[in-house]
Every structure is written in structure tokens, then in C-alpha cells.
Amino acid sequence: MSSTETSVHVLILAGGAGTRFWPASRAARPKQLLPLLGGEPLITATARRVLPLCARGGSDGWERIWIATGQHLVAPTRAALPDVSERRLLVEPAPRNTAPCIGWAAATIARDDPDAVVVVLPSDHHIADVPRFLEVVQAAVASARGGAITTIGIRPTHPETGFGYIEADEAAGAGRAAPAAPAAPCKVLRFVEKPSRERAAEFVASGRFLWNAGMFIFRAGDMRAAIRAHLPALAEGLDEIDGAAALGPADEAETVLRVFPRLPAVSIDHGVMEHVAGLAVVPGDFGWSDLGSWQSAWELADKDERGNSAPAGSVLVDAQHNHLVDLRTRSGGAPDDRRVIALVGVEGLVVVETDDALLVVPRDRAQDVKHVVDALKARGQGRHT
């Protein structure tokens, strides 16, 4: 990056209710705080992979990483990201969906760096090809520097009904080989909500549709202008927070506590992106997964010759395509002293054990795990959620 280019800041959205990966994830420990694929928590991996975008002038880039999260997640988020300054944590006093927190972040970043380009990313996704991902984001950053609010669309690999879609003005999706260099931005024609199986198949066959991965890139000032045009009530609240910030940190904190909970609860997709003229999308193909369920975790996990993913010490007899996860707290005893998990003659199961819960579910019903959380809350067993 040359010294004349605007700097890049990354906003990582790190809320979440912790329902789809129960019992590993809980309200106080949602998916992004878990090492679902081994190693470090997903949010830590998310931040580390974008540091090269933020590094400038000899810095390592951590000062340009921002985290939007809830008050109840501050402590575990800081533990997962000790290099992120407390000043870079935007703590929402109440959940109001993505438009308010992205607008608040754009305003806050603009006070520090008026010409900044902001890259908004989910905290809990998996990227297999990080170099390719960074190339695609850089292409989106270049588009944003040119004045276009830009998103990244994932080339679909199958007719998925669990994702929203983005229609581009030219063929950029399935059936198009990924170019050696990132594709040029395309114009966005429309966003489409999660489709039926039949419509999803039509979208993929057309080659014009991309999966909406919730990644947005823009100049901070351009986002403020778009919010003012399409969400005036939100703009008014952000102006009030901005005015208080000019008076000092104490005034800003008090105003955030008072104003933020009454901001309109709306997603950035519905509130802004669907209405912006000249919205651009850069097609991406870098081994992306939203890690939406235990099924996704199994797909990405290392497996034995029979398709089982299981911790060492498990016993698998005539079993295949199962996903075992042992998250019990280690007591310090020898591994042989721990309770053994054994599967015999079963196929396609997810088995997850923690200190206070055991989940057994067919992999093809992994999305239904959230109903367990609903049932526990209805029975007054919120401590398990």
C-alpha cells in the first residue's frame, strides 16, 4: 500500500446467540469463541487472517481491527483477542441487528481516520484459501476506494437454500472457472432471500447468482451518507452519539447507553444494501464456509477411512460418517481414566458431550439443534443455554 492510499480498517461482527452449535456454544460462549476446527477460536482466526490488510507504516495492523459485540461477551472476546485495544471494542448495550452497529462503527472509525475504507466481516466463518481471500478483499477495497459500496459474493457450489443470494449483471457464479486474478467487480442487480430448492437450482444454473456471505466494504463516509439517505432515524441517532463523542469519552459512553437501544433494529442488507445505487460485488472462490451447523463442522473436519471424525480414544465399531466432539473439562488425570465414547453400528450421527450436556442428532438434522435451546428455555433451564 502506498502512503497516499487510504488505510483499511476491519470491523468484525461478533454477537450471536449460541444456538446452532449447542451444547458447545452457549449464550455466553457463541460459535465465534469456540475452536470448532481445532486450534484457536474462530474469531481469533478471523482477525489474524486480515492483519495484512490493516498493517501500514511498520505497524502489525491490530490497531485497525475493530470488534462489535455485546456487553455479556466482552470478557471472553478480549481473552480471544488480547492484541485488540479496549478502545477498538464497540460494545452494544442492546442487540439492534447489523445496520446500527455498522453505522456506529463507520462513524467512530471516521473520527480516527476520515478517509478510511472499512471491511465488515462475520467473526465465525471458515476460509480455506487465505491468500486467495485476501486478493478478493483487496479487489473489493479498490472498488470501495473508487466510491462504490461493495460486497463479496461466493460462487455457489450447489443449490443451497440456507443462504441469501446476490444477482450480478453478468455471469460470475457457478460454472465460471475462478480466474487467475480476482474477478472485476460486477454491478449488483438485487438481493434475494433464502430461496426454495427449485429457485436455488435456477439461480445456480444461470451463473449470475452468488451467495451472500455478509461481507461489506466501503469508505466510512459513503456508508454514513447511505444510512442518511435510507435510514434517517438511524442517522439521527448516530449524529447524537457523534455529538457526544466530541465532548469526551464519558459523554459518549452515556449517550451510547441511552441512544443505542432505541435505534431501529434492521439489518444492513435490508436497510441499506438493497437500496443503494451502484452497489458492486466481487465474486469470490476461496473455500468459504459459514460453519452453519455441526454438519458443516463434520464436512471440514479430518476424518478416518470410514468418514468418522472423532477424538483420540473413541471406539468406533462398524460405524461410519459420524462426528464426535468431546468437550468435557479435563481433570488432569491420565487419558485412560476418562469416560470412553463408543459408537457401534451407526451412521451419520453427531455426538457432542460437554460437562453438563450430551447431544445426539442425525447429521442431516443438525440445523434442528436450535430447537433444543428453545425447549430448554421453555422449561426454565436457561442455565444450560
Protein backbone atom coordinates (compact mmCIF):
# COMPACT_ATOMS: atom_id res chain seq x y z
CA MET A 1 0.00 0.00 0.00
CA SER A 2 1.45 3.38 -0.94
CA SER A 3 1.49 6.24 1.56
CA THR A 4 -1.11 8.10 -0.49
CA GLU A 5 -3.70 5.33 -0.24
CA THR A 6 -6.36 5.36 2.39
CA SER A 7 -5.88 2.92 5.24
CA VAL A 8 -8.04 -0.17 5.72
CA HIS A 9 -9.89 -0.88 8.96
CA VAL A 10 -11.66 -4.19 9.62
CA LEU A 11 -14.87 -4.42 11.64
CA ILE A 12 -15.60 -7.94 12.90
CA LEU A 13 -19.22 -8.59 13.87
CA ALA A 14 -19.12 -10.76 16.98
CA GLY A 15 -22.57 -11.12 18.51
CA GLY A 16 -24.58 -14.31 18.30
CA ALA A 17 -26.89 -16.34 20.49
CA GLY A 18 -25.01 -19.63 20.50
CA THR A 19 -27.86 -21.90 19.37
CA ARG A 20 -26.74 -23.84 16.29
CA PHE A 21 -23.69 -25.41 17.95
CA TRP A 22 -25.30 -26.30 21.25
CA PRO A 23 -24.13 -27.73 23.63
CA ALA A 24 -20.64 -26.45 22.75
CA SER A 25 -21.94 -22.93 22.14
CA ARG A 26 -24.00 -21.07 24.71
CA ALA A 27 -25.37 -17.54 25.04
CA ALA A 28 -22.20 -16.58 26.92
CA ARG A 29 -19.95 -18.51 24.51
CA PRO A 30 -21.31 -18.33 20.96
CA LYS A 31 -19.77 -20.02 17.96
CA GLN A 32 -17.03 -17.48 17.24
CA LEU A 33 -15.43 -18.12 20.63
CA LEU A 34 -15.04 -21.86 20.00
CA PRO A 35 -12.15 -23.71 18.33
CA LEU A 36 -14.59 -25.73 16.24
CA LEU A 37 -11.95 -26.83 13.76
CA GLY A 38 -9.19 -27.25 16.32
CA GLY A 39 -6.57 -24.72 17.29
CA GLU A 40 -7.72 -21.19 18.05
CA PRO A 41 -11.24 -19.74 18.34
CA LEU A 42 -12.89 -18.76 15.05
CA ILE A 43 -12.83 -15.04 15.91
CA THR A 44 -9.08 -15.19 16.54
CA ALA A 45 -8.53 -16.85 13.16
CA THR A 46 -10.75 -14.21 11.52
CA ALA A 47 -8.68 -11.36 12.94
CA ARG A 48 -5.32 -12.92 12.17
CA ARG A 49 -6.13 -13.59 8.53
CA VAL A 50 -6.93 -9.91 7.83
CA LEU A 51 -3.93 -8.37 9.59
CA PRO A 52 -2.05 -7.98 6.28
CA LEU A 53 -4.87 -5.71 5.06
CA CYS A 54 -4.54 -3.45 8.09
CA ALA A 55 -0.76 -3.27 8.50
CA ARG A 56 0.68 0.04 7.44
CA GLY A 57 3.77 2.10 8.15
CA GLY A 58 5.50 -0.66 10.06
CA SER A 59 2.52 -1.46 12.31
CA ASP A 60 1.26 -5.00 12.72
CA GLY A 61 -2.33 -3.95 11.96
CA TRP A 62 -4.01 -4.73 15.29
CA GLU A 63 -4.84 -1.06 15.88
CA ARG A 64 -7.11 -1.17 12.81
CA ILE A 65 -9.10 -4.21 13.95
CA TRP A 66 -12.48 -3.30 15.48
CA ILE A 67 -14.90 -5.67 17.20
CA ALA A 68 -18.66 -5.11 17.59
CA THR A 69 -20.05 -7.29 20.36
CA GLY A 70 -22.45 -7.36 23.31
CA GLN A 71 -21.71 -6.48 26.91
CA HIS A 72 -22.02 -10.10 28.05
CA LEU A 73 -19.32 -11.16 25.56
CA VAL A 74 -16.68 -8.54 26.33
CA ALA A 75 -14.56 -10.66 28.68
CA PRO A 76 -14.34 -13.82 26.53
CA THR A 77 -13.85 -11.74 23.38
CA ARG A 78 -10.93 -9.88 24.94
CA ALA A 79 -9.47 -13.21 26.06
CA ALA A 80 -9.66 -14.47 22.47
CA LEU A 81 -8.18 -11.23 21.07
CA PRO A 82 -5.71 -9.86 23.63
CA ASP A 83 -3.96 -7.73 20.98
CA VAL A 84 -7.10 -5.70 20.21
CA SER A 85 -7.20 -2.48 22.20
CA GLU A 86 -10.16 -1.91 24.51
CA ARG A 87 -10.79 1.27 22.52
CA ARG A 88 -11.46 -0.91 19.48
CA LEU A 89 -14.29 -2.82 21.15
CA LEU A 90 -17.67 -1.36 20.24
CA VAL A 91 -19.89 -2.74 22.99
CA GLU A 92 -23.57 -2.67 22.06
CA PRO A 93 -25.81 -2.08 25.10
CA ALA A 94 -28.66 -3.86 23.31
CA PRO A 95 -28.85 -6.03 20.16
CA ARG A 96 -30.19 -3.93 17.26
CA ASN A 97 -29.10 -6.00 14.23
CA THR A 98 -26.27 -5.07 11.87
CA ALA A 99 -27.17 -1.63 10.45
CA PRO A 100 -26.84 0.24 13.78
CA CYS A 101 -23.54 -1.36 14.75
CA ILE A 102 -22.04 -0.92 11.28
CA GLY A 103 -23.21 2.69 11.17
CA TRP A 104 -21.81 3.33 14.65
CA ALA A 105 -18.50 1.74 13.64
CA ALA A 106 -18.29 3.80 10.43
CA ALA A 107 -18.83 7.00 12.41
CA THR A 108 -16.31 6.02 15.07
CA ILE A 109 -13.65 4.95 12.58
CA ALA A 110 -14.17 8.13 10.56
CA ARG A 111 -13.35 10.21 13.63
CA ASP A 112 -9.97 8.45 13.85
CA ASP A 113 -9.36 8.14 10.12
CA PRO A 114 -11.72 10.24 7.95
CA ASP A 115 -10.73 8.60 4.65
CA ALA A 116 -10.72 5.01 5.93
CA VAL A 117 -12.02 2.07 3.95
CA VAL A 118 -13.93 -0.27 6.26
CA VAL A 119 -14.10 -4.04 5.68
CA VAL A 120 -17.01 -5.65 7.57
CA LEU A 121 -16.68 -9.39 8.22
CA PRO A 122 -18.54 -12.02 10.23
CA SER A 123 -16.48 -13.43 13.08
CA ASP A 124 -17.35 -17.11 12.71
CA HIS A 125 -16.71 -18.20 9.13
CA HIS A 126 -14.05 -20.55 7.76
CA ILE A 127 -11.73 -19.63 4.89
CA ALA A 128 -9.66 -22.44 3.39
CA ASP A 129 -7.57 -20.39 0.93
CA VAL A 130 -6.45 -17.31 2.85
CA PRO A 131 -4.14 -15.84 0.16
CA ARG A 132 -6.95 -16.03 -2.37
CA PHE A 133 -9.36 -14.49 0.13
CA LEU A 134 -7.01 -11.55 0.71
CA GLU A 135 -6.72 -11.00 -3.04
CA VAL A 136 -10.51 -10.84 -3.37
CA VAL A 137 -10.83 -8.45 -0.43
CA GLN A 138 -8.13 -6.21 -1.92
CA ALA A 139 -10.14 -6.09 -5.16
CA ALA A 140 -13.20 -5.08 -3.13
CA VAL A 141 -11.16 -2.44 -1.27
CA ALA A 142 -10.07 -0.97 -4.61
CA SER A 143 -13.72 -0.85 -5.68
CA ALA A 144 -14.68 0.90 -2.44
CA ARG A 145 -11.86 3.43 -2.82
CA GLY A 146 -13.45 4.32 -6.14
CA GLY A 147 -16.66 5.24 -4.34
CA ALA A 148 -18.75 2.07 -4.71
CA ILE A 149 -20.15 0.35 -1.65
CA THR A 150 -19.03 -3.19 -2.39
CA THR A 151 -19.81 -6.70 -1.21
CA ILE A 152 -18.17 -10.07 -1.79
CA GLY A 153 -20.30 -12.85 -3.27
CA ILE A 154 -19.35 -16.51 -3.06
CA ARG A 155 -19.55 -18.59 -6.22
CA PRO A 156 -22.12 -21.26 -5.35
CA THR A 157 -21.16 -24.92 -5.47
CA HIS A 158 -24.70 -26.31 -5.16
CA PRO A 159 -28.34 -25.09 -4.86
CA GLU A 160 -28.18 -24.07 -1.20
CA THR A 161 -31.49 -22.95 0.38
CA GLY A 162 -29.95 -21.71 3.63
CA PHE A 163 -28.21 -18.65 2.14
CA GLY A 164 -29.37 -15.43 0.59
CA TYR A 165 -28.27 -14.74 -2.99
CA ILE A 166 -26.90 -11.74 -4.89
CA GLU A 167 -27.73 -11.36 -8.59
CA ALA A 168 -24.96 -9.75 -10.63
CA ASP A 169 -25.36 -8.06 -14.00
CA GLU A 170 -23.16 -10.63 -15.71
CA ALA A 171 -22.26 -14.28 -15.34
CA ALA A 172 -19.97 -14.58 -12.34
CA GLY A 173 -21.25 -17.56 -10.39
CA ALA A 174 -21.28 -21.35 -10.73
CA GLY A 175 -19.89 -22.76 -13.94
CA ARG A 176 -17.36 -19.97 -14.30
CA ALA A 177 -13.81 -21.06 -13.56
CA ALA A 178 -12.16 -18.85 -10.99
CA PRO A 179 -9.78 -16.53 -12.86
CA ALA A 180 -6.08 -16.43 -12.02
CA ALA A 181 -6.60 -12.93 -10.63
CA PRO A 182 -9.71 -11.83 -8.69
CA ALA A 183 -12.63 -11.03 -10.94
CA ALA A 184 -13.51 -7.43 -11.58
CA PRO A 185 -16.45 -6.05 -9.60
CA CYS A 186 -19.89 -6.54 -11.12
CA LYS A 187 -22.97 -4.43 -10.64
CA VAL A 188 -25.49 -5.82 -8.17
CA LEU A 189 -28.98 -6.15 -9.61
CA ARG A 190 -30.76 -7.41 -6.48
CA PHE A 191 -30.57 -9.35 -3.24
CA VAL A 192 -32.77 -12.43 -2.93
CA GLU A 193 -33.85 -14.02 0.35
CA LYS A 194 -33.29 -17.72 1.02
CA PRO A 195 -34.97 -19.44 -1.94
CA SER A 196 -36.80 -22.71 -2.40
CA ARG A 197 -34.82 -25.68 -3.70
CA GLU A 198 -36.23 -25.15 -7.20
CA ARG A 199 -35.37 -21.45 -7.31
CA ALA A 200 -31.91 -22.09 -5.87
CA ALA A 201 -31.26 -24.59 -8.69
CA GLU A 202 -32.36 -21.98 -11.24
CA PHE A 203 -30.08 -19.38 -9.66
CA VAL A 204 -27.05 -21.64 -9.79
CA ALA A 205 -27.76 -22.74 -13.36
CA SER A 206 -28.00 -19.12 -14.54
CA GLY A 207 -24.41 -18.35 -13.49
CA ARG A 208 -25.41 -14.84 -12.40
CA PHE A 209 -26.10 -15.53 -8.72
CA LEU A 210 -23.67 -15.57 -5.82
CA TRP A 211 -24.10 -16.49 -2.18
CA ASN A 212 -24.40 -13.53 0.18
CA ALA A 213 -21.64 -14.06 2.77
CA GLY A 214 -22.30 -10.87 4.76
CA MET A 215 -19.02 -9.18 3.80
CA PHE A 216 -19.23 -5.46 3.02
CA ILE A 217 -16.55 -2.95 2.05
CA PHE A 218 -16.97 0.82 1.88
CA ARG A 219 -15.48 4.20 2.64
CA ALA A 220 -16.71 5.26 6.07
CA GLY A 221 -18.18 8.48 4.67
CA ASP A 222 -20.04 6.64 1.92
CA MET A 223 -21.74 4.39 4.46
CA ARG A 224 -22.74 7.37 6.59
CA ALA A 225 -24.26 9.01 3.50
CA ALA A 226 -26.13 5.82 2.56
CA ILE A 227 -27.57 5.50 6.06
CA ARG A 228 -28.63 9.13 5.99
CA ALA A 229 -30.42 8.55 2.69
CA HIS A 230 -32.13 5.26 3.51
CA LEU A 231 -32.34 5.08 7.32
CA PRO A 232 -32.80 8.67 8.50
CA ALA A 233 -33.90 7.63 12.01
CA LEU A 234 -30.68 5.68 12.43
CA ALA A 235 -28.65 8.60 11.07
CA GLU A 236 -30.25 10.91 13.62
CA GLY A 237 -29.28 8.62 16.49
CA LEU A 238 -25.73 8.24 15.20
CA ASP A 239 -25.43 12.03 14.93
CA GLU A 240 -26.40 12.28 18.60
CA ILE A 241 -23.68 9.79 19.55
CA ASP A 242 -21.20 11.69 17.35
CA GLY A 243 -22.03 14.95 19.06
CA ALA A 244 -21.49 13.44 22.48
CA ALA A 245 -18.16 11.92 21.38
CA ALA A 246 -16.88 15.40 20.65
CA LEU A 247 -17.41 16.25 24.33
CA GLY A 248 -15.35 13.34 25.61
CA PRO A 249 -15.40 9.60 26.35
CA ALA A 250 -17.72 9.87 29.36
CA ASP A 251 -20.37 11.79 27.42
CA GLU A 252 -20.07 9.36 24.51
CA ALA A 253 -20.48 6.30 26.75
CA GLU A 254 -23.55 7.77 28.46
CA THR A 255 -25.13 8.67 25.13
CA VAL A 256 -24.48 5.22 23.65
CA LEU A 257 -26.21 3.61 26.65
CA ARG A 258 -29.18 5.93 26.24
CA VAL A 259 -29.49 6.17 22.44
CA PHE A 260 -28.35 2.82 21.05
CA PRO A 261 -31.22 0.70 22.47
CA ARG A 262 -33.78 2.87 20.69
CA LEU A 263 -32.10 2.79 17.27
CA PRO A 264 -34.13 0.97 14.59
CA ALA A 265 -33.38 -2.77 14.61
CA VAL A 266 -32.63 -3.50 10.95
CA SER A 267 -30.02 -5.45 9.03
CA ILE A 268 -27.56 -3.65 6.80
CA ASP A 269 -28.82 -5.79 3.90
CA HIS A 270 -32.45 -4.72 4.20
CA GLY A 271 -31.85 -1.21 5.47
CA VAL A 272 -29.10 -0.07 3.12
CA MET A 273 -27.66 -2.54 0.62
CA GLU A 274 -30.94 -3.36 -1.12
CA HIS A 275 -31.47 0.35 -1.84
CA VAL A 276 -28.01 1.65 -2.74
CA ALA A 277 -27.47 2.69 -6.35
CA GLY A 278 -24.25 1.46 -7.91
CA LEU A 279 -23.65 -1.34 -5.40
CA ALA A 280 -20.82 -3.61 -6.57
CA VAL A 281 -19.99 -7.27 -5.90
CA VAL A 282 -16.66 -9.04 -6.30
CA PRO A 283 -17.08 -12.79 -6.95
CA GLY A 284 -15.03 -14.95 -4.60
CA ASP A 285 -13.88 -18.55 -4.65
CA PHE A 286 -11.64 -19.24 -1.66
CA GLY A 287 -13.03 -22.23 0.21
CA TRP A 288 -15.64 -20.35 2.20
CA SER A 289 -17.97 -21.92 4.76
CA ASP A 290 -20.32 -20.15 7.14
CA LEU A 291 -19.97 -23.10 9.55
CA GLY A 292 -23.71 -23.05 9.97
CA SER A 293 -24.15 -26.32 11.85
CA TRP A 294 -22.46 -29.46 13.16
CA GLN A 295 -22.91 -30.82 9.62
CA SER A 296 -20.60 -28.08 8.32
CA ALA A 297 -18.07 -28.84 11.06
CA TRP A 298 -18.06 -32.52 10.03
CA GLU A 299 -17.54 -31.61 6.37
CA LEU A 300 -14.42 -29.62 7.23
CA ALA A 301 -13.00 -31.94 9.89
CA ASP A 302 -10.28 -34.52 9.43
CA LYS A 303 -11.81 -37.99 9.05
CA ASP A 304 -10.75 -41.61 9.13
CA GLU A 305 -11.12 -44.04 6.23
CA ARG A 306 -14.80 -44.58 7.11
CA GLY A 307 -15.66 -40.90 7.22
CA ASN A 308 -15.69 -40.58 11.02
CA SER A 309 -14.36 -37.51 12.79
CA ALA A 310 -13.63 -38.45 16.40
CA PRO A 311 -11.18 -37.61 19.18
CA ALA A 312 -8.40 -40.00 20.11
CA GLY A 313 -9.57 -42.75 22.42
CA SER A 314 -13.04 -43.09 20.89
CA VAL A 315 -14.22 -46.57 19.97
CA LEU A 316 -15.89 -46.96 16.58
CA VAL A 317 -17.19 -50.38 15.57
CA ASP A 318 -18.95 -50.79 12.22
CA ALA A 319 -19.68 -47.04 12.31
CA GLN A 320 -19.28 -44.50 9.52
CA HIS A 321 -19.74 -40.84 8.66
CA ASN A 322 -20.14 -39.78 12.31
CA HIS A 323 -18.93 -36.62 14.03
CA LEU A 324 -17.87 -36.98 17.68
CA VAL A 325 -16.88 -33.99 19.80
CA ASP A 326 -15.66 -34.36 23.38
CA LEU A 327 -15.62 -31.03 25.22
CA ARG A 328 -15.57 -32.30 28.77
CA THR A 329 -13.23 -30.43 31.08
CA ARG A 330 -10.02 -32.30 31.59
CA SER A 331 -9.39 -33.06 35.26
CA GLY A 332 -5.66 -33.54 34.86
CA GLY A 333 -5.87 -37.33 35.12
CA ALA A 334 -4.49 -39.76 32.62
CA PRO A 335 -6.43 -40.01 29.34
CA ASP A 336 -7.24 -43.64 30.12
CA ASP A 337 -9.15 -42.51 33.24
CA ARG A 338 -11.72 -40.58 31.21
CA ARG A 339 -15.08 -41.96 30.14
CA VAL A 340 -14.92 -43.63 26.74
CA ILE A 341 -17.29 -42.65 23.91
CA ALA A 342 -18.19 -45.66 21.76
CA LEU A 343 -20.36 -45.98 18.65
CA VAL A 344 -21.46 -49.35 17.28
CA GLY A 345 -23.32 -49.95 14.01
CA VAL A 346 -24.47 -46.36 13.49
CA GLU A 347 -24.08 -43.95 10.61
CA GLY A 348 -24.35 -40.21 10.10
CA LEU A 349 -24.63 -39.11 13.74
CA VAL A 350 -23.37 -36.06 15.56
CA VAL A 351 -22.45 -36.79 19.19
CA VAL A 352 -21.30 -33.87 21.35
CA GLU A 353 -20.53 -34.19 25.04
CA THR A 354 -19.79 -31.39 27.49
CA ASP A 355 -19.64 -31.37 31.28
CA ASP A 356 -23.37 -30.72 31.60
CA ALA A 357 -24.98 -31.90 28.36
CA LEU A 358 -24.98 -34.64 25.73
CA LEU A 359 -26.29 -34.15 22.20
CA VAL A 360 -27.07 -36.98 19.78
CA VAL A 361 -28.59 -35.96 16.44
CA PRO A 362 -28.51 -37.22 12.83
CA ARG A 363 -26.16 -35.07 10.77
CA ASP A 364 -28.91 -34.31 8.29
CA ARG A 365 -30.94 -32.73 11.10
CA ALA A 366 -28.10 -30.71 12.58
CA GLN A 367 -29.93 -27.44 11.82
CA ASP A 368 -32.65 -28.50 14.30
CA VAL A 369 -30.30 -28.28 17.30
CA LYS A 370 -31.55 -24.74 17.89
CA HIS A 371 -34.91 -26.24 18.89
CA VAL A 372 -33.20 -27.86 21.88
CA VAL A 373 -32.24 -24.41 23.11
CA ASP A 374 -35.84 -23.22 22.66
CA ALA A 375 -37.13 -26.24 24.61
CA LEU A 376 -34.67 -25.72 27.47
CA LYS A 377 -35.66 -22.07 27.79
CA ALA A 378 -39.36 -23.01 27.77
CA ARG A 379 -38.69 -25.48 30.60
CA GLY A 380 -36.87 -22.87 32.66
CA GLN A 381 -33.46 -24.46 32.16
CA GLY A 382 -31.77 -21.36 30.80
CA ARG A 383 -28.59 -22.22 32.67
CA HIS A 384 -27.95 -24.88 30.03
CA THR A 385 -28.29 -22.42 27.15
